[in-house]
Structures are given as C-alpha cells and as structure tokens.
Amino acid sequence: MNRIKEVLEEKGIKQTWLAEKLGKSYNMVNGYVQNRQQPRLEVLYEIAKILDVNPKDLLKEDLND
C-alpha cells in the first residue's frame, strides 16, 4: 500500500500533472493513487523525486492504516 494519494493532496498536486511528469498515462497513475496497483520500485523513487519527498514518505508502514 502507498500514500501517493495523501502526498498529492497535501501538496495540492493533481494526478494529471504527476502523470505528465512521469511520462505515464493518467490511468496508470490513478491505479497507483487508488492502490489498485503498486508502482515498481524505480517508479516509486521517481515519484518521490518529482514530489520532493523521501521515498519512505510514500509508503504505509502499517498495512492496517
């Protein structure tokens, strides 16, 4: 599970903007945001770099959250 949705909301960033910066489709990014699919580790690091956060900030530590 990831926290991409929460980080986007905290920063006021739209999924469409992130998709454009990543060079991925909106549907792909939306799958990450909705936790329907998880990004590969390389993509997670790229998302963290784009959002200017630590990659750990994009991960949920407790799966019960």
Protein backbone atom coordinates (compact mmCIF):
# COMPACT_ATOMS: atom_id res chain seq x y z
CA MET A 1 0.00 0.00 0.00
CA ASN A 2 1.20 3.50 -0.74
CA ARG A 3 0.48 7.06 0.36
CA ILE A 4 0.74 8.71 -3.04
CA LYS A 5 -2.84 10.00 -2.80
CA GLU A 6 -2.23 11.61 0.59
CA VAL A 7 1.02 13.24 -0.53
CA LEU A 8 -0.62 14.62 -3.68
CA GLU A 9 -3.45 16.08 -1.58
CA GLU A 10 -1.02 17.57 0.96
CA LYS A 11 0.89 19.29 -1.82
CA GLY A 12 -2.18 20.28 -3.86
CA ILE A 13 -0.93 18.37 -6.91
CA LYS A 14 -3.22 16.78 -9.49
CA GLN A 15 -2.81 13.24 -10.77
CA THR A 16 -2.76 14.54 -14.34
CA TRP A 17 0.31 16.68 -13.54
CA LEU A 18 2.09 13.73 -11.95
CA ALA A 19 1.23 11.50 -14.91
CA GLU A 20 2.68 14.09 -17.30
CA LYS A 21 5.90 14.44 -15.26
CA LEU A 22 6.28 10.65 -15.04
CA GLY A 23 5.54 10.12 -18.72
CA LYS A 24 2.79 7.67 -17.79
CA SER A 25 -0.90 7.61 -18.58
CA TYR A 26 -3.43 9.12 -16.20
CA ASN A 27 -4.98 5.66 -15.81
CA MET A 28 -1.65 4.19 -14.69
CA VAL A 29 -1.09 6.94 -12.12
CA ASN A 30 -4.70 6.67 -10.96
CA GLY A 31 -4.11 2.95 -10.36
CA TYR A 32 -1.17 3.85 -8.11
CA VAL A 33 -3.14 6.56 -6.30
CA GLN A 34 -6.12 4.27 -5.69
CA ASN A 35 -3.82 1.41 -4.64
CA ARG A 36 -5.23 -0.85 -7.34
CA GLN A 37 -1.65 -1.46 -8.43
CA GLN A 38 1.73 -0.63 -6.97
CA PRO A 39 4.49 1.14 -8.88
CA ARG A 40 7.80 -0.63 -9.43
CA LEU A 41 10.49 0.49 -7.02
CA GLU A 42 12.19 2.58 -9.69
CA VAL A 43 8.92 4.38 -10.41
CA LEU A 44 8.27 4.94 -6.71
CA TYR A 45 11.68 6.62 -6.40
CA GLU A 46 10.92 8.74 -9.46
CA ILE A 47 7.57 9.81 -7.96
CA ALA A 48 9.33 10.72 -4.70
CA LYS A 49 11.86 12.82 -6.60
CA ILE A 50 9.14 14.63 -8.56
CA LEU A 51 7.13 15.30 -5.38
CA ASP A 52 10.28 16.27 -3.45
CA VAL A 53 9.68 13.77 -0.65
CA ASN A 54 11.58 10.85 0.82
CA PRO A 55 10.52 7.59 -0.86
CA LYS A 56 9.65 6.26 2.61
CA ASP A 57 7.01 9.01 2.85
CA LEU A 58 5.16 7.32 0.01
CA LEU A 59 4.87 4.00 1.83
CA LYS A 60 2.48 2.96 4.55
CA GLU A 61 4.33 1.27 7.38
CA ASP A 62 1.29 -0.47 8.81
CA LEU A 63 -0.97 -2.25 6.33
CA ASN A 64 -3.88 -1.76 8.75
CA ASP A 65 -3.86 2.03 8.20
